[in-house]
């Protein structure tokens, strides 16, 4: 069963441009992960607010994404840009 969620967060105003540069790096790394189904950042309406839609084949694939040596340093830089924490909203398929 896929693990899919939307994470929402704000970045420090002075880190906005740096964060946007990191987005492109993260999306590229995620695109190369075999068990990542979808990984896309969005700018939200509120200033300096972003969302990332993530979908993986399962929870283990999400954990592998976070532990990926190619993404771990980028994730840390992104966390350093954030203003506070993030919320993760899980999305579940509707079965017929």
Protein backbone atom coordinates (compact mmCIF):
# COMPACT_ATOMS: atom_id res chain seq x y z
CA UNK A 1 0.00 0.00 0.00
CA UNK A 2 1.48 3.38 -0.97
CA UNK A 3 2.53 5.88 1.67
CA UNK A 4 1.38 9.32 0.52
CA UNK A 5 1.33 12.63 2.36
CA UNK A 6 1.49 16.39 2.08
CA UNK A 7 3.91 18.22 4.37
CA UNK A 8 3.41 21.94 5.02
CA UNK A 9 5.91 24.36 6.53
CA UNK A 10 7.33 27.87 6.45
CA UNK A 11 10.88 28.96 5.76
CA UNK A 12 12.76 31.90 7.24
CA UNK A 13 12.28 34.91 4.93
CA UNK A 14 16.02 35.36 4.48
CA UNK A 15 16.36 31.66 3.53
CA UNK A 16 13.63 31.62 0.87
CA UNK A 17 15.96 31.76 -2.16
CA UNK A 18 18.34 29.19 -0.67
CA UNK A 19 15.41 26.87 0.01
CA UNK A 20 14.12 27.17 -3.55
CA UNK A 21 17.56 26.15 -4.82
CA UNK A 22 17.49 23.08 -2.58
CA UNK A 23 14.04 22.12 -3.89
CA UNK A 24 15.41 21.45 -7.35
CA UNK A 25 18.19 19.28 -5.92
CA UNK A 26 15.76 17.24 -3.81
CA UNK A 27 13.29 16.70 -6.64
CA UNK A 28 16.13 15.46 -8.84
CA UNK A 29 17.42 13.00 -6.20
CA UNK A 30 13.88 11.73 -5.50
CA UNK A 31 13.26 11.18 -9.23
CA UNK A 32 16.13 8.69 -9.24
CA UNK A 33 14.82 6.65 -6.29
CA UNK A 34 13.12 3.48 -7.58
CA UNK A 35 10.37 3.39 -4.92
CA UNK A 36 9.45 7.07 -5.02
CA UNK A 37 6.19 7.41 -6.93
CA UNK A 38 5.83 11.22 -6.73
CA UNK A 39 7.82 13.99 -5.08
CA UNK A 40 6.94 17.61 -5.84
CA UNK A 41 7.26 20.90 -3.97
CA UNK A 42 4.74 23.74 -4.18
CA UNK A 43 4.73 27.30 -2.96
CA UNK A 44 1.63 27.96 -0.84
CA UNK A 45 -0.44 31.16 -0.77
CA UNK A 46 0.96 32.37 2.57
CA UNK A 47 4.35 34.14 2.26
CA UNK A 48 7.37 31.85 2.68
CA UNK A 49 5.11 28.81 2.99
CA UNK A 50 5.70 25.61 1.05
CA UNK A 51 4.21 22.18 0.68
CA UNK A 52 5.72 18.96 -0.59
CA UNK A 53 3.63 16.11 -1.96
CA UNK A 54 5.38 12.79 -1.42
CA UNK A 55 4.28 9.33 -2.44
CA UNK A 56 6.26 6.14 -1.99
CA UNK A 57 5.53 2.49 -2.70
CA UNK A 58 5.40 1.88 1.08
CA UNK A 59 6.64 3.21 4.42
CA UNK A 60 10.03 1.51 3.99
CA UNK A 61 10.55 3.47 0.77
CA UNK A 62 9.86 6.73 2.66
CA UNK A 63 12.46 5.74 5.26
CA UNK A 64 14.94 4.79 2.52
CA UNK A 65 14.37 8.20 0.91
CA UNK A 66 15.20 9.98 4.18
CA UNK A 67 18.30 7.82 4.71
CA UNK A 68 19.50 8.07 1.11
CA UNK A 69 23.10 9.38 1.25
CA UNK A 70 22.31 11.63 -1.71
CA UNK A 71 19.32 13.29 -0.02
CA UNK A 72 20.28 13.33 3.68
CA UNK A 73 22.59 16.40 3.45
CA UNK A 74 20.03 18.29 1.35
CA UNK A 75 17.27 17.47 3.83
CA UNK A 76 19.43 18.82 6.67
CA UNK A 77 20.02 22.09 4.78
CA UNK A 78 16.27 22.36 4.14
CA UNK A 79 15.52 21.82 7.83
CA UNK A 80 17.99 24.61 8.65
CA UNK A 81 15.98 26.95 6.38
CA UNK A 82 12.66 26.13 8.01
CA UNK A 83 10.92 28.49 10.41
CA UNK A 84 9.51 26.07 12.97
CA UNK A 85 8.44 22.53 12.33
CA UNK A 86 6.29 20.94 9.65
CA UNK A 87 2.96 19.18 9.59
CA UNK A 88 2.45 15.95 7.70
CA UNK A 89 -1.02 15.17 6.40
CA UNK A 90 -1.41 11.56 5.27
CA UNK A 91 -3.54 10.78 2.24
CA UNK A 92 -5.19 7.41 1.73
CA UNK A 93 -6.55 5.85 -1.44
CA UNK A 94 -10.31 5.46 -1.59
CA UNK A 95 -11.14 1.90 -2.38
CA UNK A 96 -14.18 1.11 -4.49
